[in-house]
Amino acid sequence: MTVINGSHFSNLEGFYEEVSRLFMKDEDWKVGTLDGFDDILYGIDTDISWKDSQKSKNDLGFDLTKEFYENKIRQGKPFNVQLIQQKLNELIDGTGQTLFEILIEIIESHKNITLILD
């Protein structure tokens, strides 16, 4: 059982630090993107307990997700600005995913991992 502790972070960078500490102990690089997080879960066969998941749901919710997309749009290349604008519009319309929901979806897409939200 691996425990992601939501009280250890309040933003996406903090989440990346937490999962790097948990899953990348012997590596010389750290997770820094959603794709990178997805990549490190391949080959992992464990249960993950996300403690203080309600705090993480709030921390990684609408406001932070909106800021995340706006920053990518401002930065432009190499990001697909049209796609990110569409994701931002969906978020604002209430049909898009928050960062928390995206992270949950990434974890749940790995069949060897069972996620428990505490």
PDB file of N, CA and C in Angstrom:
ATOM      1  N   MET A   1       0.854  -1.187   0.000  1.00  0.00           N
ATOM      2  CA  MET A   1       0.000   0.000   0.000  1.00  0.00           C
ATOM      3  C   MET A   1       0.894   1.243   0.000  1.00  0.00           C
ATOM      4  N   THR A   2       0.644   2.108  -0.943  1.00  0.00           N
ATOM      5  CA  THR A   2       1.339   3.383  -1.015  1.00  0.00           C
ATOM      6  C   THR A   2       0.358   4.469  -0.611  1.00  0.00           C
ATOM      7  N   VAL A   3       0.806   5.427   0.195  1.00  0.00           N
ATOM      8  CA  VAL A   3      -0.076   6.476   0.693  1.00  0.00           C
ATOM      9  C   VAL A   3       0.347   7.824   0.112  1.00  0.00           C
ATOM     10  N   ILE A   4      -0.550   8.421  -0.665  1.00  0.00           N
ATOM     11  CA  ILE A   4      -0.396   9.814  -1.093  1.00  0.00           C
ATOM     12  C   ILE A   4      -1.083  10.643  -0.020  1.00  0.00           C
ATOM     13  N   ASN A   5      -0.357  11.544   0.604  1.00  0.00           N
ATOM     14  CA  ASN A   5      -0.915  12.309   1.713  1.00  0.00           C
ATOM     15  C   ASN A   5      -1.247  13.730   1.250  1.00  0.00           C
ATOM     16  N   GLY A   6      -2.537  13.998   1.104  1.00  0.00           N
ATOM     17  CA  GLY A   6      -2.987  15.299   0.637  1.00  0.00           C
ATOM     18  C   GLY A   6      -2.618  16.455   1.544  1.00  0.00           C
ATOM     19  N   SER A   7      -2.284  16.160   2.806  1.00  0.00           N
ATOM     20  CA  SER A   7      -1.872  17.243   3.710  1.00  0.00           C
ATOM     21  C   SER A   7      -0.423  17.671   3.445  1.00  0.00           C
ATOM     22  N   HIS A   8       0.296  16.922   2.602  1.00  0.00           N
ATOM     23  CA  HIS A   8       1.688  17.256   2.290  1.00  0.00           C
ATOM     24  C   HIS A   8       1.820  18.270   1.151  1.00  0.00           C
ATOM     25  N   PHE A   9       0.724  18.599   0.469  1.00  0.00           N
ATOM     26  CA  PHE A   9       0.807  19.510  -0.680  1.00  0.00           C
ATOM     27  C   PHE A   9      -0.515  20.242  -0.877  1.00  0.00           C
ATOM     28  N   SER A  10      -0.437  21.360  -1.612  1.00  0.00           N
ATOM     29  CA  SER A  10      -1.654  22.125  -1.887  1.00  0.00           C
ATOM     30  C   SER A  10      -1.722  22.605  -3.329  1.00  0.00           C
ATOM     31  N   ASN A  11      -0.759  22.152  -4.152  1.00  0.00           N
ATOM     32  CA  ASN A  11      -0.801  22.511  -5.572  1.00  0.00           C
ATOM     33  C   ASN A  11      -0.216  21.363  -6.392  1.00  0.00           C
ATOM     34  N   LEU A  12      -0.199  21.522  -7.702  1.00  0.00           N
ATOM     35  CA  LEU A  12       0.237  20.443  -8.576  1.00  0.00           C
ATOM     36  C   LEU A  12       1.723  20.146  -8.404  1.00  0.00           C
ATOM     37  N   GLU A  13       2.534  21.175  -8.237  1.00  0.00           N
ATOM     38  CA  GLU A  13       3.966  20.971  -8.038  1.00  0.00           C
ATOM     39  C   GLU A  13       4.216  20.161  -6.770  1.00  0.00           C
ATOM     40  N   GLY A  14       3.488  20.464  -5.723  1.00  0.00           N
ATOM     41  CA  GLY A  14       3.601  19.712  -4.478  1.00  0.00           C
ATOM     42  C   GLY A  14       3.174  18.263  -4.642  1.00  0.00           C
ATOM     43  N   PHE A  15       2.115  18.048  -5.436  1.00  0.00           N
ATOM     44  CA  PHE A  15       1.682  16.680  -5.738  1.00  0.00           C
ATOM     45  C   PHE A  15       2.798  15.921  -6.448  1.00  0.00           C
ATOM     46  N   TYR A  16       3.409  16.570  -7.446  1.00  0.00           N
ATOM     47  CA  TYR A  16       4.506  15.922  -8.180  1.00  0.00           C
ATOM     48  C   TYR A  16       5.654  15.564  -7.231  1.00  0.00           C
ATOM     49  N   GLU A  17       5.966  16.457  -6.289  1.00  0.00           N
ATOM     50  CA  GLU A  17       7.020  16.170  -5.311  1.00  0.00           C
ATOM     51  C   GLU A  17       6.649  14.968  -4.445  1.00  0.00           C
ATOM     52  N   GLU A  18       5.396  14.919  -4.025  1.00  0.00           N
ATOM     53  CA  GLU A  18       4.918  13.811  -3.190  1.00  0.00           C
ATOM     54  C   GLU A  18       5.028  12.482  -3.938  1.00  0.00           C
ATOM     55  N   VAL A  19       4.544  12.420  -5.173  1.00  0.00           N
ATOM     56  CA  VAL A  19       4.588  11.135  -5.890  1.00  0.00           C
ATOM     57  C   VAL A  19       6.009  10.790  -6.331  1.00  0.00           C
ATOM     58  N   SER A  20       6.840  11.784  -6.575  1.00  0.00           N
ATOM     59  CA  SER A  20       8.245  11.508  -6.882  1.00  0.00           C
ATOM     60  C   SER A  20       8.922  10.860  -5.680  1.00  0.00           C
ATOM     61  N   ARG A  21       8.631  11.391  -4.503  1.00  0.00           N
ATOM     62  CA  ARG A  21       9.198  10.835  -3.270  1.00  0.00           C
ATOM     63  C   ARG A  21       8.737   9.389  -3.065  1.00  0.00           C
ATOM     64  N   LEU A  22       7.477   9.118  -3.397  1.00  0.00           N
ATOM     65  CA  LEU A  22       6.910   7.792  -3.167  1.00  0.00           C
ATOM     66  C   LEU A  22       7.348   6.764  -4.209  1.00  0.00           C
ATOM     67  N   PHE A  23       7.365   7.169  -5.474  1.00  0.00           N
ATOM     68  CA  PHE A  23       7.554   6.201  -6.557  1.00  0.00           C
ATOM     69  C   PHE A  23       8.910   6.274  -7.247  1.00  0.00           C
ATOM     70  N   MET A  24       9.689   7.320  -6.976  1.00  0.00           N
ATOM     71  CA  MET A  24      10.918   7.538  -7.740  1.00  0.00           C
ATOM     72  C   MET A  24      12.149   7.601  -6.834  1.00  0.00           C
ATOM     73  N   LYS A  25      12.119   6.869  -5.734  1.00  0.00           N
ATOM     74  CA  LYS A  25      13.200   6.942  -4.738  1.00  0.00           C
ATOM     75  C   LYS A  25      14.582   6.762  -5.351  1.00  0.00           C
ATOM     76  N   ASP A  26      14.721   5.818  -6.277  1.00  0.00           N
ATOM     77  CA  ASP A  26      16.039   5.481  -6.825  1.00  0.00           C
ATOM     78  C   ASP A  26      16.315   6.134  -8.174  1.00  0.00           C
ATOM     79  N   GLU A  27      15.514   7.112  -8.555  1.00  0.00           N
ATOM     80  CA  GLU A  27      15.677   7.768  -9.858  1.00  0.00           C
ATOM     81  C   GLU A  27      16.344   9.132  -9.680  1.00  0.00           C
ATOM     82  N   ASP A  28      16.960   9.612 -10.745  1.00  0.00           N
ATOM     83  CA  ASP A  28      17.612  10.925 -10.672  1.00  0.00           C
ATOM     84  C   ASP A  28      16.783  12.003 -11.371  1.00  0.00           C
ATOM     85  N   TRP A  29      15.525  11.719 -11.624  1.00  0.00           N
ATOM     86  CA  TRP A  29      14.622  12.726 -12.169  1.00  0.00           C
ATOM     87  C   TRP A  29      13.317  12.659 -11.384  1.00  0.00           C
ATOM     88  N   LYS A  30      12.526  13.719 -11.497  1.00  0.00           N
ATOM     89  CA  LYS A  30      11.267  13.797 -10.766  1.00  0.00           C
ATOM     90  C   LYS A  30      10.117  14.007 -11.740  1.00  0.00           C
ATOM     91  N   VAL A  31       8.954  13.626 -11.294  1.00  0.00           N
ATOM     92  CA  VAL A  31       7.736  13.845 -12.065  1.00  0.00           C
ATOM     93  C   VAL A  31       7.482  15.349 -12.135  1.00  0.00           C
ATOM     94  N   GLY A  32       7.128  15.847 -13.333  1.00  0.00           N
ATOM     95  CA  GLY A  32       6.856  17.269 -13.474  1.00  0.00           C
ATOM     96  C   GLY A  32       5.713  17.581 -14.423  1.00  0.00           C
ATOM     97  N   THR A  33       5.075  16.514 -14.948  1.00  0.00           N
ATOM     98  CA  THR A  33       3.946  16.714 -15.870  1.00  0.00           C
ATOM     99  C   THR A  33       2.895  15.628 -15.620  1.00  0.00           C
ATOM    100  N   LEU A  34       1.703  15.862 -16.143  1.00  0.00           N
ATOM    101  CA  LEU A  34       0.653  14.843 -16.051  1.00  0.00           C
ATOM    102  C   LEU A  34       1.072  13.588 -16.807  1.00  0.00           C
ATOM    103  N   ASP A  35       1.667  13.747 -17.985  1.00  0.00           N
ATOM    104  CA  ASP A  35       2.142  12.595 -18.764  1.00  0.00           C
ATOM    105  C   ASP A  35       3.224  11.843 -18.003  1.00  0.00           C
ATOM    106  N   GLY A  36       4.112  12.580 -17.362  1.00  0.00           N
ATOM    107  CA  GLY A  36       5.169  11.957 -16.568  1.00  0.00           C
ATOM    108  C   GLY A  36       4.595  11.146 -15.415  1.00  0.00           C
ATOM    109  N   PHE A  37       3.552  11.684 -14.774  1.00  0.00           N
ATOM    110  CA  PHE A  37       2.894  10.957 -13.692  1.00  0.00           C
ATOM    111  C   PHE A  37       2.289   9.665 -14.230  1.00  0.00           C
ATOM    112  N   ASP A  38       1.613   9.760 -15.359  1.00  0.00           N
ATOM    113  CA  ASP A  38       1.035   8.576 -16.000  1.00  0.00           C
ATOM    114  C   ASP A  38       2.131   7.551 -16.292  1.00  0.00           C
ATOM    115  N   ASP A  39       3.246   8.009 -16.831  1.00  0.00           N
ATOM    116  CA  ASP A  39       4.342   7.115 -17.216  1.00  0.00           C
ATOM    117  C   ASP A  39       4.899   6.330 -16.025  1.00  0.00           C
ATOM    118  N   ILE A  40       5.063   6.981 -14.865  1.00  0.00           N
ATOM    119  CA  ILE A  40       5.673   6.262 -13.736  1.00  0.00           C
ATOM    120  C   ILE A  40       4.745   5.200 -13.161  1.00  0.00           C
ATOM    121  N   LEU A  41       3.458   5.274 -13.473  1.00  0.00           N
ATOM    122  CA  LEU A  41       2.521   4.290 -12.931  1.00  0.00           C
ATOM    123  C   LEU A  41       2.555   2.969 -13.693  1.00  0.00           C
ATOM    124  N   TYR A  42       3.122   2.982 -14.904  1.00  0.00           N
ATOM    125  CA  TYR A  42       3.252   1.724 -15.645  1.00  0.00           C
ATOM    126  C   TYR A  42       4.203   0.816 -14.881  1.00  0.00           C
ATOM    127  N   GLY A  43       3.813  -0.423 -14.715  1.00  0.00           N
ATOM    128  CA  GLY A  43       4.668  -1.373 -14.015  1.00  0.00           C
ATOM    129  C   GLY A  43       4.498  -1.353 -12.510  1.00  0.00           C
ATOM    130  N   ILE A  44       3.698  -0.440 -11.996  1.00  0.00           N
ATOM    131  CA  ILE A  44       3.441  -0.407 -10.555  1.00  0.00           C
ATOM    132  C   ILE A  44       2.214  -1.263 -10.273  1.00  0.00           C
ATOM    133  N   ASP A  45       2.337  -2.127  -9.292  1.00  0.00           N
ATOM    134  CA  ASP A  45       1.251  -3.036  -8.930  1.00  0.00           C
ATOM    135  C   ASP A  45       1.014  -2.887  -7.431  1.00  0.00           C
ATOM    136  N   THR A  46       0.186  -1.944  -7.059  1.00  0.00           N
ATOM    137  CA  THR A  46      -0.024  -1.662  -5.640  1.00  0.00           C
ATOM    138  C   THR A  46      -1.388  -1.016  -5.429  1.00  0.00           C
ATOM    139  N   ASP A  47      -1.807  -0.983  -4.196  1.00  0.00           N
ATOM    140  CA  ASP A  47      -2.959  -0.172  -3.823  1.00  0.00           C
ATOM    141  C   ASP A  47      -2.431   1.197  -3.436  1.00  0.00           C
ATOM    142  N   ILE A  48      -3.160   2.233  -3.818  1.00  0.00           N
ATOM    143  CA  ILE A  48      -2.811   3.594  -3.431  1.00  0.00           C
ATOM    144  C   ILE A  48      -3.938   4.137  -2.561  1.00  0.00           C
ATOM    145  N   SER A  49      -3.567   4.582  -1.387  1.00  0.00           N
ATOM    146  CA  SER A  49      -4.519   5.255  -0.511  1.00  0.00           C
ATOM    147  C   SER A  49      -4.207   6.749  -0.570  1.00  0.00           C
ATOM    148  N   TRP A  50      -5.194   7.546  -0.955  1.00  0.00           N
ATOM    149  CA  TRP A  50      -5.007   9.001  -1.026  1.00  0.00           C
ATOM    150  C   TRP A  50      -5.640   9.598   0.220  1.00  0.00           C
ATOM    151  N   LYS A  51      -4.805   9.846   1.241  1.00  0.00           N
ATOM    152  CA  LYS A  51      -5.289  10.437   2.497  1.00  0.00           C
ATOM    153  C   LYS A  51      -5.570  11.925   2.286  1.00  0.00           C
ATOM    154  N   ASP A  52      -6.540  12.432   3.010  1.00  0.00           N
ATOM    155  CA  ASP A  52      -6.954  13.837   2.869  1.00  0.00           C
ATOM    156  C   ASP A  52      -7.307  14.161   1.415  1.00  0.00           C
ATOM    157  N   SER A  53      -7.968  13.205   0.759  1.00  0.00           N
ATOM    158  CA  SER A  53      -8.314  13.394  -0.657  1.00  0.00           C
ATOM    159  C   SER A  53      -9.312  14.546  -0.844  1.00  0.00           C
ATOM    160  N   GLN A  54     -10.151  14.801   0.161  1.00  0.00           N
ATOM    161  CA  GLN A  54     -11.102  15.917   0.036  1.00  0.00           C
ATOM    162  C   GLN A  54     -10.353  17.251   0.005  1.00  0.00           C
ATOM    163  N   LYS A  55      -9.283  17.363   0.800  1.00  0.00           N
ATOM    164  CA  LYS A  55      -8.440  18.557   0.761  1.00  0.00           C
ATOM    165  C   LYS A  55      -7.819  18.698  -0.627  1.00  0.00           C
ATOM    166  N   SER A  56      -7.308  17.590  -1.169  1.00  0.00           N
ATOM    167  CA  SER A  56      -6.695  17.622  -2.507  1.00  0.00           C
ATOM    168  C   SER A  56      -7.731  17.977  -3.573  1.00  0.00           C
ATOM    169  N   LYS A  57      -8.937  17.458  -3.398  1.00  0.00           N
ATOM    170  CA  LYS A  57     -10.014  17.770  -4.358  1.00  0.00           C
ATOM    171  C   LYS A  57     -10.272  19.275  -4.388  1.00  0.00           C
ATOM    172  N   ASN A  58     -10.240  19.903  -3.207  1.00  0.00           N
ATOM    173  CA  ASN A  58     -10.429  21.356  -3.130  1.00  0.00           C
ATOM    174  C   ASN A  58      -9.200  22.095  -3.664  1.00  0.00           C
ATOM    175  N   ASP A  59      -8.008  21.660  -3.208  1.00  0.00           N
ATOM    176  CA  ASP A  59      -6.762  22.329  -3.615  1.00  0.00           C
ATOM    177  C   ASP A  59      -6.543  22.262  -5.124  1.00  0.00           C
ATOM    178  N   LEU A  60      -6.825  21.110  -5.709  1.00  0.00           N
ATOM    179  CA  LEU A  60      -6.575  20.870  -7.144  1.00  0.00           C
ATOM    180  C   LEU A  60      -7.876  20.997  -7.937  1.00  0.00           C
ATOM    181  N   GLY A  61      -8.732  21.888  -7.468  1.00  0.00           N
ATOM    182  CA  GLY A  61     -10.055  22.061  -8.052  1.00  0.00           C
ATOM    183  C   GLY A  61     -10.110  23.131  -9.131  1.00  0.00           C
ATOM    184  N   PHE A  62     -11.257  23.769  -9.237  1.00  0.00           N
ATOM    185  CA  PHE A  62     -11.552  24.698 -10.330  1.00  0.00           C
ATOM    186  C   PHE A  62     -10.513  25.806 -10.452  1.00  0.00           C
ATOM    187  N   ASP A  63     -10.243  26.512  -9.354  1.00  0.00           N
ATOM    188  CA  ASP A  63      -9.378  27.695  -9.432  1.00  0.00           C
ATOM    189  C   ASP A  63      -7.973  27.348  -9.912  1.00  0.00           C
ATOM    190  N   LEU A  64      -7.377  26.304  -9.317  1.00  0.00           N
ATOM    191  CA  LEU A  64      -6.016  25.923  -9.710  1.00  0.00           C
ATOM    192  C   LEU A  64      -5.994  25.395 -11.145  1.00  0.00           C
ATOM    193  N   THR A  65      -7.041  24.662 -11.524  1.00  0.00           N
ATOM    194  CA  THR A  65      -7.104  24.121 -12.890  1.00  0.00           C
ATOM    195  C   THR A  65      -7.228  25.248 -13.907  1.00  0.00           C
ATOM    196  N   LYS A  66      -8.039  26.248 -13.596  1.00  0.00           N
ATOM    197  CA  LYS A  66      -8.203  27.399 -14.483  1.00  0.00           C
ATOM    198  C   LYS A  66      -6.860  28.112 -14.662  1.00  0.00           C
ATOM    199  N   GLU A  67      -6.158  28.315 -13.559  1.00  0.00           N
ATOM    200  CA  GLU A  67      -4.844  28.954 -13.598  1.00  0.00           C
ATOM    201  C   GLU A  67      -3.844  28.099 -14.405  1.00  0.00           C
ATOM    202  N   PHE A  68      -3.899  26.792 -14.227  1.00  0.00           N
ATOM    203  CA  PHE A  68      -3.042  25.840 -14.949  1.00  0.00           C
ATOM    204  C   PHE A  68      -3.222  26.009 -16.464  1.00  0.00           C
ATOM    205  N   TYR A  69      -4.478  26.033 -16.907  1.00  0.00           N
ATOM    206  CA  TYR A  69      -4.757  26.190 -18.348  1.00  0.00           C
ATOM    207  C   TYR A  69      -4.370  27.582 -18.850  1.00  0.00           C
ATOM    208  N   GLU A  70      -4.677  28.603 -18.067  1.00  0.00           N
ATOM    209  CA  GLU A  70      -4.353  29.978 -18.482  1.00  0.00           C
ATOM    210  C   GLU A  70      -2.848  30.163 -18.638  1.00  0.00           C
ATOM    211  N   ASN A  71      -2.076  29.565 -17.745  1.00  0.00           N
ATOM    212  CA  ASN A  71      -0.611  29.645 -17.843  1.00  0.00           C
ATOM    213  C   ASN A  71      -0.100  28.976 -19.109  1.00  0.00           C
ATOM    214  N   LYS A  72      -0.663  27.832 -19.457  1.00  0.00           N
ATOM    215  CA  LYS A  72      -0.248  27.133 -20.682  1.00  0.00           C
ATOM    216  C   LYS A  72      -0.615  27.947 -21.924  1.00  0.00           C
ATOM    217  N   ILE A  73      -1.775  28.581 -21.914  1.00  0.00           N
ATOM    218  CA  ILE A  73      -2.196  29.410 -23.048  1.00  0.00           C
ATOM    219  C   ILE A  73      -1.268  30.612 -23.182  1.00  0.00           C
ATOM    220  N   ARG A  74      -0.932  31.233 -22.058  1.00  0.00           N
ATOM    221  CA  ARG A  74      -0.002  32.373 -22.067  1.00  0.00           C
ATOM    222  C   ARG A  74       1.368  31.968 -22.601  1.00  0.00           C
ATOM    223  N   GLN A  75       1.823  30.800 -22.201  1.00  0.00           N
ATOM    224  CA  GLN A  75       3.143  30.316 -22.629  1.00  0.00           C
ATOM    225  C   GLN A  75       3.143  29.977 -24.121  1.00  0.00           C
ATOM    226  N   GLY A  76       2.023  29.486 -24.615  1.00  0.00           N
ATOM    227  CA  GLY A  76       1.956  29.131 -26.041  1.00  0.00           C
ATOM    228  C   GLY A  76       2.755  27.876 -26.331  1.00  0.00           C
ATOM    229  N   LYS A  77       3.609  27.981 -27.340  1.00  0.00           N
ATOM    230  CA  LYS A  77       4.375  26.798 -27.738  1.00  0.00           C
ATOM    231  C   LYS A  77       5.216  26.298 -26.576  1.00  0.00           C
ATOM    232  N   PRO A  78       5.345  24.983 -26.406  1.00  0.00           N
ATOM    233  CA  PRO A  78       4.963  23.889 -27.298  1.00  0.00           C
ATOM    234  C   PRO A  78       3.536  23.392 -27.107  1.00  0.00           C
ATOM    235  N   PHE A  79       2.735  24.103 -26.328  1.00  0.00           N
ATOM    236  CA  PHE A  79       1.392  23.621 -26.025  1.00  0.00           C
ATOM    237  C   PHE A  79       0.418  23.881 -27.166  1.00  0.00           C
ATOM    238  N   ASN A  80      -0.557  22.974 -27.294  1.00  0.00           N
ATOM    239  CA  ASN A  80      -1.629  23.116 -28.271  1.00  0.00           C
ATOM    240  C   ASN A  80      -2.658  24.080 -27.662  1.00  0.00           C
ATOM    241  N   VAL A  81      -2.501  25.352 -27.998  1.00  0.00           N
ATOM    242  CA  VAL A  81      -3.301  26.406 -27.368  1.00  0.00           C
ATOM    243  C   VAL A  81      -4.791  26.215 -27.648  1.00  0.00           C
ATOM    244  N   GLN A  82      -5.143  25.785 -28.863  1.00  0.00           N
ATOM    245  CA  GLN A  82      -6.568  25.576 -29.178  1.00  0.00           C
ATOM    246  C   GLN A  82      -7.175  24.495 -28.289  1.00  0.00           C
ATOM    247  N   LEU A  83      -6.446  23.386 -28.121  1.00  0.00           N
ATOM    248  CA  LEU A  83      -6.938  22.294 -27.284  1.00  0.00           C
ATOM    249  C   LEU A  83      -7.058  22.745 -25.827  1.00  0.00           C
ATOM    250  N   ILE A  84      -6.074  23.473 -25.351  1.00  0.00           N
ATOM    251  CA  ILE A  84      -6.095  23.932 -23.958  1.00  0.00           C
ATOM    252  C   ILE A  84      -7.214  24.952 -23.760  1.00  0.00           C
ATOM    253  N   GLN A  85      -7.441  25.822 -24.734  1.00  0.00           N
ATOM    254  CA  GLN A  85      -8.549  26.774 -24.651  1.00  0.00           C
ATOM    255  C   GLN A  85      -9.882  26.024 -24.585  1.00  0.00           C
ATOM    256  N   GLN A  86     -10.002  24.953 -25.364  1.00  0.00           N
ATOM    257  CA  GLN A  86     -11.213  24.135 -25.336  1.00  0.00           C
ATOM    258  C   GLN A  86     -11.393  23.509 -23.942  1.00  0.00           C
ATOM    259  N   LYS A  87     -10.313  22.996 -23.371  1.00  0.00           N
ATOM    260  CA  LYS A  87     -10.388  22.400 -22.026  1.00  0.00           C
ATOM    261  C   LYS A  87     -10.751  23.464 -20.980  1.00  0.00           C
ATOM    262  N   LEU A  88     -10.209  24.671 -21.134  1.00  0.00           N
ATOM    263  CA  LEU A  88     -10.543  25.773 -20.233  1.00  0.00           C
ATOM    264  C   LEU A  88     -12.023  26.134 -20.366  1.00  0.00           C
ATOM    265  N   ASN A  89     -12.502  26.227 -21.597  1.00  0.00           N
ATOM    266  CA  ASN A  89     -13.920  26.546 -21.825  1.00  0.00           C
ATOM    267  C   ASN A  89     -14.823  25.485 -21.207  1.00  0.00           C
ATOM    268  N   GLU A  90     -14.437  24.204 -21.359  1.00  0.00           N
ATOM    269  CA  GLU A  90     -15.232  23.114 -20.781  1.00  0.00           C
ATOM    270  C   GLU A  90     -15.235  23.207 -19.254  1.00  0.00           C
ATOM    271  N   LEU A  91     -14.085  23.551 -18.680  1.00  0.00           N
ATOM    272  CA  LEU A  91     -14.001  23.704 -17.225  1.00  0.00           C
ATOM    273  C   LEU A  91     -14.955  24.803 -16.764  1.00  0.00           C
ATOM    274  N   ILE A  92     -14.907  25.935 -17.429  1.00  0.00           N
ATOM    275  CA  ILE A  92     -15.753  27.086 -17.067  1.00  0.00           C
ATOM    276  C   ILE A  92     -17.230  26.754 -17.251  1.00  0.00           C
ATOM    277  N   ASP A  93     -17.534  25.974 -18.294  1.00  0.00           N
ATOM    278  CA  ASP A  93     -18.922  25.564 -18.564  1.00  0.00           C
ATOM    279  C   ASP A  93     -19.424  24.507 -17.590  1.00  0.00           C
ATOM    280  N   GLY A  94     -18.508  23.943 -16.793  1.00  0.00           N
ATOM    281  CA  GLY A  94     -18.910  22.915 -15.842  1.00  0.00           C
ATOM    282  C   GLY A  94     -18.870  21.509 -16.406  1.00  0.00           C
ATOM    283  N   THR A  95     -18.351  21.342 -17.615  1.00  0.00           N
ATOM    284  CA  THR A  95     -18.294  20.007 -18.221  1.00  0.00           C
ATOM    285  C   THR A  95     -16.874  19.448 -18.253  1.00  0.00           C
ATOM    286  N   GLY A  96     -15.893  20.278 -17.912  1.00  0.00           N
ATOM    287  CA  GLY A  96     -14.498  19.839 -17.955  1.00  0.00           C
ATOM    288  C   GLY A  96     -14.028  19.279 -16.626  1.00  0.00           C
ATOM    289  N   GLN A  97     -12.862  18.669 -16.655  1.00  0.00           N
ATOM    290  CA  GLN A  97     -12.293  18.059 -15.460  1.00  0.00           C
ATOM    291  C   GLN A  97     -11.357  19.014 -14.729  1.00  0.00           C
ATOM    292  N   THR A  98     -11.350  18.886 -13.414  1.00  0.00           N
ATOM    293  CA  THR A  98     -10.349  19.595 -12.612  1.00  0.00           C
ATOM    294  C   THR A  98      -9.062  18.770 -12.626  1.00  0.00           C
ATOM    295  N   LEU A  99      -7.980  19.357 -12.164  1.00  0.00           N
ATOM    296  CA  LEU A  99      -6.715  18.612 -12.066  1.00  0.00           C
ATOM    297  C   LEU A  99      -6.885  17.385 -11.171  1.00  0.00           C
ATOM    298  N   PHE A 100      -7.620  17.514 -10.084  1.00  0.00           N
ATOM    299  CA  PHE A 100      -7.858  16.368  -9.199  1.00  0.00           C
ATOM    300  C   PHE A 100      -8.534  15.239  -9.977  1.00  0.00           C
ATOM    301  N   GLU A 101      -9.570  15.581 -10.741  1.00  0.00           N
ATOM    302  CA  GLU A 101     -10.287  14.556 -11.509  1.00  0.00           C
ATOM    303  C   GLU A 101      -9.394  13.932 -12.578  1.00  0.00           C
ATOM    304  N   ILE A 102      -8.522  14.734 -13.189  1.00  0.00           N
ATOM    305  CA  ILE A 102      -7.583  14.218 -14.184  1.00  0.00           C
ATOM    306  C   ILE A 102      -6.615  13.236 -13.526  1.00  0.00           C
ATOM    307  N   LEU A 103      -6.088  13.589 -12.351  1.00  0.00           N
ATOM    308  CA  LEU A 103      -5.163  12.702 -11.640  1.00  0.00           C
ATOM    309  C   LEU A 103      -5.838  11.389 -11.255  1.00  0.00           C
ATOM    310  N   ILE A 104      -7.086  11.466 -10.800  1.00  0.00           N
ATOM    311  CA  ILE A 104      -7.840  10.254 -10.443  1.00  0.00           C
ATOM    312  C   ILE A 104      -8.012   9.383 -11.686  1.00  0.00           C
ATOM    313  N   GLU A 105      -8.372  10.006 -12.800  1.00  0.00           N
ATOM    314  CA  GLU A 105      -8.561   9.265 -14.048  1.00  0.00           C
ATOM    315  C   GLU A 105      -7.262   8.582 -14.482  1.00  0.00           C
ATOM    316  N   ILE A 106      -6.140   9.277 -14.349  1.00  0.00           N
ATOM    317  CA  ILE A 106      -4.840   8.695 -14.699  1.00  0.00           C
ATOM    318  C   ILE A 106      -4.571   7.461 -13.837  1.00  0.00           C
ATOM    319  N   ILE A 107      -4.759   7.590 -12.535  1.00  0.00           N
ATOM    320  CA  ILE A 107      -4.506   6.453 -11.637  1.00  0.00           C
ATOM    321  C   ILE A 107      -5.429   5.294 -11.979  1.00  0.00           C
ATOM    322  N   GLU A 108      -6.709   5.589 -12.171  1.00  0.00           N
ATOM    323  CA  GLU A 108      -7.686   4.520 -12.414  1.00  0.00           C
ATOM    324  C   GLU A 108      -7.512   3.866 -13.781  1.00  0.00           C
ATOM    325  N   SER A 109      -6.779   4.512 -14.688  1.00  0.00           N
ATOM    326  CA  SER A 109      -6.551   3.907 -16.005  1.00  0.00           C
ATOM    327  C   SER A 109      -5.523   2.773 -15.935  1.00  0.00           C
ATOM    328  N   HIS A 110      -4.836   2.667 -14.817  1.00  0.00           N
ATOM    329  CA  HIS A 110      -3.843   1.606 -14.624  1.00  0.00           C
ATOM    330  C   HIS A 110      -4.504   0.457 -13.858  1.00  0.00           C
ATOM    331  N   LYS A 111      -4.730  -0.626 -14.560  1.00  0.00           N
ATOM    332  CA  LYS A 111      -5.526  -1.745 -14.010  1.00  0.00           C
ATOM    333  C   LYS A 111      -4.858  -2.457 -12.841  1.00  0.00           C
ATOM    334  N   ASN A 112      -3.528  -2.337 -12.679  1.00  0.00           N
ATOM    335  CA  ASN A 112      -2.835  -2.997 -11.579  1.00  0.00           C
ATOM    336  C   ASN A 112      -2.869  -2.180 -10.298  1.00  0.00           C
ATOM    337  N   ILE A 113      -3.513  -1.022 -10.344  1.00  0.00           N
ATOM    338  CA  ILE A 113      -3.551  -0.135  -9.181  1.00  0.00           C
ATOM    339  C   ILE A 113      -4.987   0.001  -8.696  1.00  0.00           C
ATOM    340  N   THR A 114      -5.176  -0.170  -7.396  1.00  0.00           N
ATOM    341  CA  THR A 114      -6.472   0.082  -6.763  1.00  0.00           C
ATOM    342  C   THR A 114      -6.336   1.385  -5.984  1.00  0.00           C
ATOM    343  N   LEU A 115      -7.246   2.329  -6.243  1.00  0.00           N
ATOM    344  CA  LEU A 115      -7.211   3.628  -5.569  1.00  0.00           C
ATOM    345  C   LEU A 115      -8.266   3.678  -4.484  1.00  0.00           C
ATOM    346  N   ILE A 116      -7.838   4.086  -3.303  1.00  0.00           N
ATOM    347  CA  ILE A 116      -8.741   4.268  -2.173  1.00  0.00           C
ATOM    348  C   ILE A 116      -8.661   5.729  -1.757  1.00  0.00           C
ATOM    349  N   LEU A 117      -9.784   6.422  -1.826  1.00  0.00           N
ATOM    350  CA  LEU A 117      -9.827   7.825  -1.417  1.00  0.00           C
ATOM    351  C   LEU A 117     -10.251   7.901   0.044  1.00  0.00           C
ATOM    352  N   ASP A 118      -9.371   8.464   0.871  1.00  0.00           N
ATOM    353  CA  ASP A 118      -9.660   8.610   2.302  1.00  0.00           C
ATOM    354  C   ASP A 118      -9.948  10.059   2.620  1.00  0.00           C
TER     355      ASP A 118
END
